[in-house]
PDB file of all heavy atoms in Angstrom:
ATOM      1  N   PRO A   1     -12.053  13.287   7.644  1.00  0.00           N
ATOM      2  CA  PRO A   1     -11.432  14.186   8.469  1.00  0.00           C
ATOM      3  C   PRO A   1      -9.815  14.092   8.477  1.00  0.00           C
ATOM      4  O   PRO A   1      -9.324  12.972   8.272  1.00  0.00           O
ATOM      5  CB  PRO A   1     -11.900  13.669  10.010  1.00  0.00           C
ATOM      6  CG  PRO A   1     -13.098  12.904   9.656  1.00  0.00           C
ATOM      7  CD  PRO A   1     -12.889  12.302   8.366  1.00  0.00           C
ATOM      8  N   GLY A   2      -9.142  15.234   8.465  1.00  0.00           N
ATOM      9  CA  GLY A   2      -7.745  15.227   8.482  1.00  0.00           C
ATOM     10  C   GLY A   2      -7.175  15.265   7.036  1.00  0.00           C
ATOM     11  O   GLY A   2      -5.909  15.363   6.873  1.00  0.00           O
ATOM     12  N   MET A   3      -7.975  15.027   6.013  1.00  0.00           N
ATOM     13  CA  MET A   3      -7.413  14.998   4.630  1.00  0.00           C
ATOM     14  C   MET A   3      -7.376  16.445   4.138  1.00  0.00           C
ATOM     15  O   MET A   3      -8.344  17.098   3.984  1.00  0.00           O
ATOM     16  CB  MET A   3      -8.288  14.205   3.576  1.00  0.00           C
ATOM     17  CG  MET A   3      -7.713  14.080   2.295  1.00  0.00           C
ATOM     18  SD  MET A   3      -8.501  12.891   1.101  1.00  0.00           S
ATOM     19  CE  MET A   3      -9.916  14.080   0.428  1.00  0.00           C
ATOM     20  N   ALA A   4      -6.086  16.950   3.996  1.00  0.00           N
ATOM     21  CA  ALA A   4      -5.945  18.356   3.553  1.00  0.00           C
ATOM     22  C   ALA A   4      -5.754  18.565   2.074  1.00  0.00           C
ATOM     23  O   ALA A   4      -5.081  17.649   1.439  1.00  0.00           O
ATOM     24  CB  ALA A   4      -4.766  18.873   4.295  1.00  0.00           C
ATOM     25  N   VAL A   5      -6.170  19.532   1.448  1.00  0.00           N
ATOM     26  CA  VAL A   5      -6.006  19.850  -0.032  1.00  0.00           C
ATOM     27  C   VAL A   5      -4.763  20.794   0.034  1.00  0.00           C
ATOM     28  O   VAL A   5      -4.809  21.808   0.569  1.00  0.00           O
ATOM     29  CB  VAL A   5      -7.191  20.531  -0.542  1.00  0.00           C
ATOM     30  CG1 VAL A   5      -6.849  20.963  -2.007  1.00  0.00           C
ATOM     31  CG2 VAL A   5      -8.338  19.635  -0.541  1.00  0.00           C
ATOM     32  N   VAL A   6      -3.630  20.215  -0.502  1.00  0.00           N
ATOM     33  CA  VAL A   6      -2.365  21.016  -0.612  1.00  0.00           C
ATOM     34  C   VAL A   6      -2.399  21.964  -1.757  1.00  0.00           C
ATOM     35  O   VAL A   6      -1.828  22.943  -1.662  1.00  0.00           O
ATOM     36  CB  VAL A   6      -1.251  19.983  -0.708  1.00  0.00           C
ATOM     37  CG1 VAL A   6      -0.018  20.577  -0.955  1.00  0.00           C
ATOM     38  CG2 VAL A   6      -1.221  19.018   0.507  1.00  0.00           C
ATOM     39  N   HIS A   7      -2.999  21.505  -2.816  1.00  0.00           N
ATOM     40  CA  HIS A   7      -3.076  22.344  -3.949  1.00  0.00           C
ATOM     41  C   HIS A   7      -4.391  22.004  -4.879  1.00  0.00           C
ATOM     42  O   HIS A   7      -4.723  20.842  -4.993  1.00  0.00           O
ATOM     43  CB  HIS A   7      -1.859  22.067  -5.008  1.00  0.00           C
ATOM     44  CG  HIS A   7      -1.879  22.881  -6.208  1.00  0.00           C
ATOM     45  ND1 HIS A   7      -1.500  24.166  -6.420  1.00  0.00           N
ATOM     46  CD2 HIS A   7      -2.286  22.529  -7.489  1.00  0.00           C
ATOM     47  CE1 HIS A   7      -1.645  24.508  -7.699  1.00  0.00           C
ATOM     48  NE2 HIS A   7      -2.174  23.510  -8.324  1.00  0.00           N
ATOM     49  N   ASP A   8      -4.855  22.937  -5.492  1.00  0.00           N
ATOM     50  CA  ASP A   8      -6.097  22.857  -6.374  1.00  0.00           C
ATOM     51  C   ASP A   8      -6.128  23.851  -7.491  1.00  0.00           C
ATOM     52  O   ASP A   8      -5.831  24.997  -7.274  1.00  0.00           O
ATOM     53  CB  ASP A   8      -7.384  22.990  -5.465  1.00  0.00           C
ATOM     54  CG  ASP A   8      -8.599  22.981  -6.234  1.00  0.00           C
ATOM     55  OD1 ASP A   8      -8.630  22.071  -7.197  1.00  0.00           O
ATOM     56  OD2 ASP A   8      -9.537  23.644  -6.121  1.00  0.00           O
ATOM     57  N   ASP A   9      -6.238  23.417  -8.690  1.00  0.00           N
ATOM     58  CA  ASP A   9      -6.582  24.215  -9.847  1.00  0.00           C
ATOM     59  C   ASP A   9      -7.430  23.528 -10.832  1.00  0.00           C
ATOM     60  O   ASP A   9      -8.103  22.443 -10.527  1.00  0.00           O
ATOM     61  CB  ASP A   9      -5.219  24.582 -10.501  1.00  0.00           C
ATOM     62  CG  ASP A   9      -4.318  23.484 -10.983  1.00  0.00           C
ATOM     63  OD1 ASP A   9      -4.978  22.426 -11.564  1.00  0.00           O
ATOM     64  OD2 ASP A   9      -3.127  23.396 -10.933  1.00  0.00           O
ATOM     65  N   ASP A  10      -7.574  24.046 -12.041  1.00  0.00           N
ATOM     66  CA  ASP A  10      -8.543  23.494 -12.995  1.00  0.00           C
ATOM     67  C   ASP A  10      -8.171  22.098 -13.419  1.00  0.00           C
ATOM     68  O   ASP A  10      -9.037  21.339 -13.803  1.00  0.00           O
ATOM     69  CB  ASP A  10      -8.623  24.320 -14.257  1.00  0.00           C
ATOM     70  CG  ASP A  10      -9.235  25.704 -13.940  1.00  0.00           C
ATOM     71  OD1 ASP A  10      -9.988  25.837 -12.878  1.00  0.00           O
ATOM     72  OD2 ASP A  10      -9.126  26.610 -14.644  1.00  0.00           O
ATOM     73  N   GLU A  11      -6.849  21.764 -13.392  1.00  0.00           N
ATOM     74  CA  GLU A  11      -6.419  20.414 -13.871  1.00  0.00           C
ATOM     75  C   GLU A  11      -6.221  19.315 -12.842  1.00  0.00           C
ATOM     76  O   GLU A  11      -6.426  18.109 -13.129  1.00  0.00           O
ATOM     77  CB  GLU A  11      -4.983  20.599 -14.650  1.00  0.00           C
ATOM     78  CG  GLU A  11      -5.144  21.522 -15.806  1.00  0.00           C
ATOM     79  CD  GLU A  11      -5.639  20.869 -17.035  1.00  0.00           C
ATOM     80  OE1 GLU A  11      -5.825  19.707 -17.103  1.00  0.00           O
ATOM     81  OE2 GLU A  11      -5.969  21.628 -18.099  1.00  0.00           O
ATOM     82  N   ILE A  12      -5.760  19.741 -11.563  1.00  0.00           N
ATOM     83  CA  ILE A  12      -5.412  18.654 -10.696  1.00  0.00           C
ATOM     84  C   ILE A  12      -5.772  19.113  -9.236  1.00  0.00           C
ATOM     85  O   ILE A  12      -5.971  20.351  -9.095  1.00  0.00           O
ATOM     86  CB  ILE A  12      -3.848  18.389 -10.655  1.00  0.00           C
ATOM     87  CG1 ILE A  12      -3.151  19.729 -10.445  1.00  0.00           C
ATOM     88  CG2 ILE A  12      -3.450  17.900 -11.983  1.00  0.00           C
ATOM     89  CD1 ILE A  12      -1.576  19.489 -10.094  1.00  0.00           C
ATOM     90  N   VAL A  13      -5.837  18.259  -8.266  1.00  0.00           N
ATOM     91  CA  VAL A  13      -5.965  18.513  -6.944  1.00  0.00           C
ATOM     92  C   VAL A  13      -4.978  17.465  -6.259  1.00  0.00           C
ATOM     93  O   VAL A  13      -4.863  16.353  -6.478  1.00  0.00           O
ATOM     94  CB  VAL A  13      -7.546  18.337  -6.383  1.00  0.00           C
ATOM     95  CG1 VAL A  13      -7.918  16.816  -6.721  1.00  0.00           C
ATOM     96  CG2 VAL A  13      -7.463  18.516  -4.894  1.00  0.00           C
ATOM     97  N   VAL A  14      -4.200  18.170  -5.347  1.00  0.00           N
ATOM     98  CA  VAL A  14      -3.146  17.405  -4.536  1.00  0.00           C
ATOM     99  C   VAL A  14      -3.691  17.312  -3.119  1.00  0.00           C
ATOM    100  O   VAL A  14      -3.891  18.350  -2.622  1.00  0.00           O
ATOM    101  CB  VAL A  14      -1.808  18.069  -4.669  1.00  0.00           C
ATOM    102  CG1 VAL A  14      -0.691  17.285  -3.917  1.00  0.00           C
ATOM    103  CG2 VAL A  14      -1.282  18.117  -6.050  1.00  0.00           C
ATOM    104  N   VAL A  15      -3.667  16.187  -2.561  1.00  0.00           N
ATOM    105  CA  VAL A  15      -4.061  15.973  -1.207  1.00  0.00           C
ATOM    106  C   VAL A  15      -3.033  15.300  -0.343  1.00  0.00           C
ATOM    107  O   VAL A  15      -2.181  14.712  -0.810  1.00  0.00           O
ATOM    108  CB  VAL A  15      -5.394  15.136  -1.117  1.00  0.00           C
ATOM    109  CG1 VAL A  15      -6.648  15.657  -1.831  1.00  0.00           C
ATOM    110  CG2 VAL A  15      -5.146  13.666  -1.597  1.00  0.00           C
ATOM    111  N   ASP A  16      -3.205  15.663   0.973  1.00  0.00           N
ATOM    112  CA  ASP A  16      -2.343  15.023   1.944  1.00  0.00           C
ATOM    113  C   ASP A  16      -3.229  13.886   2.591  1.00  0.00           C
ATOM    114  O   ASP A  16      -4.099  14.250   3.436  1.00  0.00           O
ATOM    115  CB  ASP A  16      -1.803  15.907   3.067  1.00  0.00           C
ATOM    116  CG  ASP A  16      -0.656  15.564   3.698  1.00  0.00           C
ATOM    117  OD1 ASP A  16      -0.415  14.380   3.714  1.00  0.00           O
ATOM    118  OD2 ASP A  16       0.145  16.338   4.243  1.00  0.00           O
ATOM    119  N   LYS A  17      -2.981  12.655   2.202  1.00  0.00           N
ATOM    120  CA  LYS A  17      -3.869  11.675   2.565  1.00  0.00           C
ATOM    121  C   LYS A  17      -3.500  11.080   4.117  1.00  0.00           C
ATOM    122  O   LYS A  17      -2.385  10.816   4.390  1.00  0.00           O
ATOM    123  CB  LYS A  17      -3.743  10.372   1.688  1.00  0.00           C
ATOM    124  CG  LYS A  17      -4.794   9.274   2.009  1.00  0.00           C
ATOM    125  CD  LYS A  17      -4.416   8.133   1.205  1.00  0.00           C
ATOM    126  CE  LYS A  17      -3.415   7.090   1.646  1.00  0.00           C
ATOM    127  NZ  LYS A  17      -3.760   6.362   3.001  1.00  0.00           N
ATOM    128  N   PRO A  18      -4.539  11.041   5.079  1.00  0.00           N
ATOM    129  CA  PRO A  18      -4.326  10.547   6.289  1.00  0.00           C
ATOM    130  C   PRO A  18      -4.108   9.034   6.321  1.00  0.00           C
ATOM    131  O   PRO A  18      -4.573   8.317   5.315  1.00  0.00           O
ATOM    132  CB  PRO A  18      -5.480  10.960   7.137  1.00  0.00           C
ATOM    133  CG  PRO A  18      -6.468  11.880   6.234  1.00  0.00           C
ATOM    134  CD  PRO A  18      -5.882  11.576   4.894  1.00  0.00           C
ATOM    135  N   VAL A  19      -3.542   8.451   7.313  1.00  0.00           N
ATOM    136  CA  VAL A  19      -3.546   6.985   7.513  1.00  0.00           C
ATOM    137  C   VAL A  19      -4.986   6.451   7.586  1.00  0.00           C
ATOM    138  O   VAL A  19      -5.800   7.231   8.152  1.00  0.00           O
ATOM    139  CB  VAL A  19      -2.722   6.626   8.604  1.00  0.00           C
ATOM    140  CG1 VAL A  19      -3.335   7.033   9.903  1.00  0.00           C
ATOM    141  CG2 VAL A  19      -2.564   5.094   8.732  1.00  0.00           C
ATOM    142  N   GLY A  20      -5.152   5.269   7.223  1.00  0.00           N
ATOM    143  CA  GLY A  20      -6.611   4.704   7.322  1.00  0.00           C
ATOM    144  C   GLY A  20      -7.483   5.055   6.161  1.00  0.00           C
ATOM    145  O   GLY A  20      -8.779   4.747   6.291  1.00  0.00           O
ATOM    146  N   VAL A  21      -7.027   5.624   5.151  1.00  0.00           N
ATOM    147  CA  VAL A  21      -7.872   6.100   3.959  1.00  0.00           C
ATOM    148  C   VAL A  21      -7.301   5.492   2.717  1.00  0.00           C
ATOM    149  O   VAL A  21      -6.068   5.518   2.357  1.00  0.00           O
ATOM    150  CB  VAL A  21      -7.776   7.612   3.940  1.00  0.00           C
ATOM    151  CG1 VAL A  21      -8.687   8.101   2.691  1.00  0.00           C
ATOM    152  CG2 VAL A  21      -8.338   8.272   5.166  1.00  0.00           C
ATOM    153  N   ALA A  22      -8.211   4.840   2.077  1.00  0.00           N
ATOM    154  CA  ALA A  22      -7.828   4.082   0.780  1.00  0.00           C
ATOM    155  C   ALA A  22      -7.921   5.290  -0.367  1.00  0.00           C
ATOM    156  O   ALA A  22      -8.660   6.201  -0.244  1.00  0.00           O
ATOM    157  CB  ALA A  22      -8.885   2.977   0.432  1.00  0.00           C
ATOM    158  N   ALA A  23      -7.174   4.926  -1.469  1.00  0.00           N
ATOM    159  CA  ALA A  23      -7.252   6.025  -2.542  1.00  0.00           C
ATOM    160  C   ALA A  23      -8.617   6.019  -3.257  1.00  0.00           C
ATOM    161  O   ALA A  23      -9.155   7.067  -3.482  1.00  0.00           O
ATOM    162  CB  ALA A  23      -6.113   5.560  -3.685  1.00  0.00           C
ATOM    163  N   HIS A  24      -9.157   4.816  -3.429  1.00  0.00           N
ATOM    164  CA  HIS A  24     -10.475   4.816  -4.048  1.00  0.00           C
ATOM    165  C   HIS A  24     -11.323   3.499  -3.517  1.00  0.00           C
ATOM    166  O   HIS A  24     -10.764   2.624  -2.959  1.00  0.00           O
ATOM    167  CB  HIS A  24     -10.286   4.497  -5.549  1.00  0.00           C
ATOM    168  CG  HIS A  24      -9.518   3.426  -5.920  1.00  0.00           C
ATOM    169  ND1 HIS A  24      -9.879   2.094  -5.915  1.00  0.00           N
ATOM    170  CD2 HIS A  24      -8.131   3.281  -6.414  1.00  0.00           C
ATOM    171  CE1 HIS A  24      -8.955   1.224  -6.350  1.00  0.00           C
ATOM    172  NE2 HIS A  24      -7.861   1.973  -6.536  1.00  0.00           N
ATOM    173  N   PRO A  25     -12.541   3.340  -3.869  1.00  0.00           N
ATOM    174  CA  PRO A  25     -13.348   2.246  -3.296  1.00  0.00           C
ATOM    175  C   PRO A  25     -12.813   0.977  -4.013  1.00  0.00           C
ATOM    176  O   PRO A  25     -12.314   0.910  -5.119  1.00  0.00           O
ATOM    177  CB  PRO A  25     -14.822   2.506  -3.772  1.00  0.00           C
ATOM    178  CG  PRO A  25     -14.783   3.986  -4.094  1.00  0.00           C
ATOM    179  CD  PRO A  25     -13.433   4.279  -4.692  1.00  0.00           C
ATOM    180  N   SER A  26     -12.970  -0.160  -3.241  1.00  0.00           N
ATOM    181  CA  SER A  26     -12.672  -1.506  -3.779  1.00  0.00           C
ATOM    182  C   SER A  26     -13.451  -2.486  -3.106  1.00  0.00           C
ATOM    183  O   SER A  26     -14.105  -2.198  -1.882  1.00  0.00           O
ATOM    184  CB  SER A  26     -11.203  -1.778  -3.594  1.00  0.00           C
ATOM    185  OG  SER A  26     -10.807  -1.748  -2.243  1.00  0.00           O
ATOM    186  N   VAL A  27     -13.707  -3.705  -3.649  1.00  0.00           N
ATOM    187  CA  VAL A  27     -14.470  -4.674  -3.127  1.00  0.00           C
ATOM    188  C   VAL A  27     -13.929  -4.988  -1.663  1.00  0.00           C
ATOM    189  O   VAL A  27     -12.732  -5.389  -1.589  1.00  0.00           O
ATOM    190  CB  VAL A  27     -14.499  -5.913  -3.995  1.00  0.00           C
ATOM    191  CG1 VAL A  27     -15.136  -7.132  -3.261  1.00  0.00           C
ATOM    192  CG2 VAL A  27     -15.252  -5.685  -5.324  1.00  0.00           C
ATOM    193  N   GLY A  28     -14.781  -5.069  -0.722  1.00  0.00           N
ATOM    194  CA  GLY A  28     -14.283  -5.522   0.632  1.00  0.00           C
ATOM    195  C   GLY A  28     -13.867  -4.279   1.498  1.00  0.00           C
ATOM    196  O   GLY A  28     -13.651  -4.471   2.675  1.00  0.00           O
ATOM    197  N   TRP A  29     -13.658  -3.169   0.928  1.00  0.00           N
ATOM    198  CA  TRP A  29     -13.292  -2.008   1.738  1.00  0.00           C
ATOM    199  C   TRP A  29     -14.466  -1.090   2.011  1.00  0.00           C
ATOM    200  O   TRP A  29     -15.097  -0.635   1.244  1.00  0.00           O
ATOM    201  CB  TRP A  29     -12.133  -1.113   0.931  1.00  0.00           C
ATOM    202  CG  TRP A  29     -11.765   0.122   1.632  1.00  0.00           C
ATOM    203  CD1 TRP A  29     -12.102   1.432   1.309  1.00  0.00           C
ATOM    204  CD2 TRP A  29     -11.058   0.257   2.873  1.00  0.00           C
ATOM    205  NE1 TRP A  29     -11.679   2.227   2.251  1.00  0.00           N
ATOM    206  CE2 TRP A  29     -11.000   1.555   3.285  1.00  0.00           C
ATOM    207  CE3 TRP A  29     -10.373  -0.784   3.769  1.00  0.00           C
ATOM    208  CZ2 TRP A  29     -10.197   1.959   4.381  1.00  0.00           C
ATOM    209  CZ3 TRP A  29      -9.658  -0.221   4.798  1.00  0.00           C
ATOM    210  CH2 TRP A  29      -9.625   1.119   5.151  1.00  0.00           C
ATOM    211  N   THR A  30     -14.640  -0.910   3.374  1.00  0.00           N
ATOM    212  CA  THR A  30     -15.827  -0.133   3.819  1.00  0.00           C
ATOM    213  C   THR A  30     -15.511   1.291   4.439  1.00  0.00           C
ATOM    214  O   THR A  30     -16.289   1.923   4.904  1.00  0.00           O
ATOM    215  CB  THR A  30     -16.645  -0.965   4.841  1.00  0.00           C
ATOM    216  OG1 THR A  30     -15.810  -1.312   5.885  1.00  0.00           O
ATOM    217  CG2 THR A  30     -17.340  -2.202   4.150  1.00  0.00           C
ATOM    218  N   GLY A  31     -14.160   1.446   4.508  1.00  0.00           N
ATOM    219  CA  GLY A  31     -13.674   2.695   5.150  1.00  0.00           C
ATOM    220  C   GLY A  31     -13.626   3.837   4.180  1.00  0.00           C
ATOM    221  O   GLY A  31     -14.067   3.691   3.100  1.00  0.00           O
ATOM    222  N   PRO A  32     -13.074   4.941   4.651  1.00  0.00           N
ATOM    223  CA  PRO A  32     -13.075   6.185   3.832  1.00  0.00           C
ATOM    224  C   PRO A  32     -12.126   6.098   2.593  1.00  0.00           C
ATOM    225  O   PRO A  32     -11.223   5.323   2.743  1.00  0.00           O
ATOM    226  CB  PRO A  32     -12.645   7.344   4.852  1.00  0.00           C
ATOM    227  CG  PRO A  32     -11.766   6.533   5.902  1.00  0.00           C
ATOM    228  CD  PRO A  32     -12.442   5.087   5.949  1.00  0.00           C
ATOM    229  N   THR A  33     -12.407   7.014   1.685  1.00  0.00           N
ATOM    230  CA  THR A  33     -11.534   6.995   0.404  1.00  0.00           C
ATOM    231  C   THR A  33     -11.194   8.426   0.073  1.00  0.00           C
ATOM    232  O   THR A  33     -11.980   9.388   0.388  1.00  0.00           O
ATOM    233  CB  THR A  33     -12.176   6.433  -0.747  1.00  0.00           C
ATOM    234  OG1 THR A  33     -13.375   7.079  -1.222  1.00  0.00           O
ATOM    235  CG2 THR A  33     -12.610   4.923  -0.391  1.00  0.00           C
ATOM    236  N   VAL A  34     -10.078   8.652  -0.600  1.00  0.00           N
ATOM    237  CA  VAL A  34      -9.782   9.913  -1.172  1.00  0.00           C
ATOM    238  C   VAL A  34     -10.792  10.432  -2.168  1.00  0.00           C
ATOM    239  O   VAL A  34     -11.281  11.623  -1.960  1.00  0.00           O
ATOM    240  CB  VAL A  34      -8.306   9.883  -1.857  1.00  0.00           C
ATOM    241  CG1 VAL A  34      -8.172  11.133  -2.710  1.00  0.00           C
ATOM    242  CG2 VAL A  34      -7.279   9.654  -0.868  1.00  0.00           C
ATOM    243  N   LEU A  35     -11.336   9.596  -2.998  1.00  0.00           N
ATOM    244  CA  LEU A  35     -12.332  10.063  -3.938  1.00  0.00           C
ATOM    245  C   LEU A  35     -13.662  10.305  -3.178  1.00  0.00           C
ATOM    246  O   LEU A  35     -14.293  11.425  -3.644  1.00  0.00           O
ATOM    247  CB  LEU A  35     -12.657   9.018  -5.089  1.00  0.00           C
ATOM    248  CG  LEU A  35     -11.484   8.741  -6.020  1.00  0.00           C
ATOM    249  CD1 LEU A  35     -11.865   7.773  -7.118  1.00  0.00           C
ATOM    250  CD2 LEU A  35     -11.012  10.108  -6.819  1.00  0.00           C
ATOM    251  N   GLY A  36     -13.979   9.605  -2.270  1.00  0.00           N
ATOM    252  CA  GLY A  36     -15.162   9.920  -1.468  1.00  0.00           C
ATOM    253  C   GLY A  36     -15.106  11.157  -0.747  1.00  0.00           C
ATOM    254  O   GLY A  36     -15.974  11.995  -0.641  1.00  0.00           O
ATOM    255  N   GLY A  37     -13.875  11.475  -0.252  1.00  0.00           N
ATOM    256  CA  GLY A  37     -13.529  12.682   0.522  1.00  0.00           C
ATOM    257  C   GLY A  37     -13.628  13.894  -0.399  1.00  0.00           C
ATOM    258  O   GLY A  37     -14.230  14.961  -0.161  1.00  0.00           O
ATOM    259  N   LEU A  38     -13.152  13.757  -1.468  1.00  0.00           N
ATOM    260  CA  LEU A  38     -13.208  14.972  -2.607  1.00  0.00           C
ATOM    261  C   LEU A  38     -14.447  15.171  -3.019  1.00  0.00           C
ATOM    262  O   LEU A  38     -14.894  16.308  -3.218  1.00  0.00           O
ATOM    263  CB  LEU A  38     -12.164  14.562  -3.810  1.00  0.00           C
ATOM    264  CG  LEU A  38     -10.619  14.517  -3.488  1.00  0.00           C
ATOM    265  CD1 LEU A  38     -10.035  14.041  -4.796  1.00  0.00           C
ATOM    266  CD2 LEU A  38     -10.206  15.970  -3.168  1.00  0.00           C
ATOM    267  N   ALA A  39     -15.335  14.023  -3.244  1.00  0.00           N
ATOM    268  CA  ALA A  39     -16.741  14.268  -3.648  1.00  0.00           C
ATOM    269  C   ALA A  39     -17.605  14.983  -2.659  1.00  0.00           C
ATOM    270  O   ALA A  39     -18.299  15.947  -2.823  1.00  0.00           O
ATOM    271  CB  ALA A  39     -17.401  12.930  -4.017  1.00  0.00           C
ATOM    272  N   ALA A  40     -17.317  14.605  -1.311  1.00  0.00           N
ATOM    273  CA  ALA A  40     -17.981  15.263  -0.321  1.00  0.00           C
ATOM    274  C   ALA A  40     -17.698  16.723  -0.108  1.00  0.00           C
ATOM    275  O   ALA A  40     -18.433  17.636   0.306  1.00  0.00           O
ATOM    276  CB  ALA A  40     -17.710  14.606   1.053  1.00  0.00           C
ATOM    277  N   ALA A  41     -16.386  17.198  -0.499  1.00  0.00           N
ATOM    278  CA  ALA A  41     -15.919  18.508  -0.544  1.00  0.00           C
ATOM    279  C   ALA A  41     -16.255  19.325  -1.713  1.00  0.00           C
ATOM    280  O   ALA A  41     -15.929  20.458  -1.733  1.00  0.00           O
ATOM    281  CB  ALA A  41     -14.362  18.433  -0.289  1.00  0.00           C
ATOM    282  N   GLY A  42     -17.038  18.619  -2.622  1.00  0.00           N
ATOM    283  CA  GLY A  42     -17.500  19.423  -3.772  1.00  0.00           C
ATOM    284  C   GLY A  42     -16.598  19.350  -4.970  1.00  0.00           C
ATOM    285  O   GLY A  42     -16.838  20.114  -6.001  1.00  0.00           O
ATOM    286  N   PHE A  43     -15.412  18.519  -4.868  1.00  0.00           N
ATOM    287  CA  PHE A  43     -14.664  18.398  -6.097  1.00  0.00           C
ATOM    288  C   PHE A  43     -15.142  17.519  -7.242  1.00  0.00           C
ATOM    289  O   PHE A  43     -15.701  16.450  -6.972  1.00  0.00           O
ATOM    290  CB  PHE A  43     -13.262  17.857  -5.626  1.00  0.00           C
ATOM    291  CG  PHE A  43     -12.470  18.951  -4.812  1.00  0.00           C
ATOM    292  CD1 PHE A  43     -12.649  18.859  -3.446  1.00  0.00           C
ATOM    293  CD2 PHE A  43     -11.531  19.738  -5.482  1.00  0.00           C
ATOM    294  CE1 PHE A  43     -11.896  19.841  -2.674  1.00  0.00           C
ATOM    295  CE2 PHE A  43     -10.841  20.661  -4.709  1.00  0.00           C
ATOM    296  CZ  PHE A  43     -11.020  20.696  -3.313  1.00  0.00           C
ATOM    297  N   THR A  44     -14.938  17.967  -8.428  1.00  0.00           N
ATOM    298  CA  THR A  44     -15.220  17.049  -9.623  1.00  0.00           C
ATOM    299  C   THR A  44     -13.939  16.625 -10.195  1.00  0.00           C
ATOM    300  O   THR A  44     -13.015  17.379 -10.550  1.00  0.00           O
ATOM    301  CB  THR A  44     -16.162  17.825 -10.630  1.00  0.00           C
ATOM    302  OG1 THR A  44     -17.214  18.254 -10.113  1.00  0.00           O
ATOM    303  CG2 THR A  44     -16.407  16.900 -11.802  1.00  0.00           C
ATOM    304  N   VAL A  45     -13.831  15.364 -10.369  1.00  0.00           N
ATOM    305  CA  VAL A  45     -12.590  14.779 -11.000  1.00  0.00           C
ATOM    306  C   VAL A  45     -12.780  14.156 -12.350  1.00  0.00           C
ATOM    307  O   VAL A  45     -13.937  14.024 -12.914  1.00  0.00           O
ATOM    308  CB  VAL A  45     -11.895  13.670 -10.049  1.00  0.00           C
ATOM    309  CG1 VAL A  45     -11.723  14.336  -8.736  1.00  0.00           C
ATOM    310  CG2 VAL A  45     -12.817  12.480  -9.922  1.00  0.00           C
ATOM    311  N   SER A  46     -11.660  13.871 -12.945  1.00  0.00           N
ATOM    312  CA  SER A  46     -11.790  13.332 -14.284  1.00  0.00           C
ATOM    313  C   SER A  46     -12.608  11.896 -14.296  1.00  0.00           C
ATOM    314  O   SER A  46     -12.766  11.294 -13.369  1.00  0.00           O
ATOM    315  CB  SER A  46     -10.330  12.930 -14.729  1.00  0.00           C
ATOM    316  OG  SER A  46     -10.346  11.970 -15.843  1.00  0.00           O
TER     317      SER A  46
END
């Protein structure tokens, strides 16, 4: 919630990350992530 997509095209996606969200999963982190949010929204990344 609250993560906005600022720009999206075939090469990149630019997001406005809210506080409390990690960029990606890591050991010991159980909260939300940018990559998890993009996947839930149907984005495919590199």
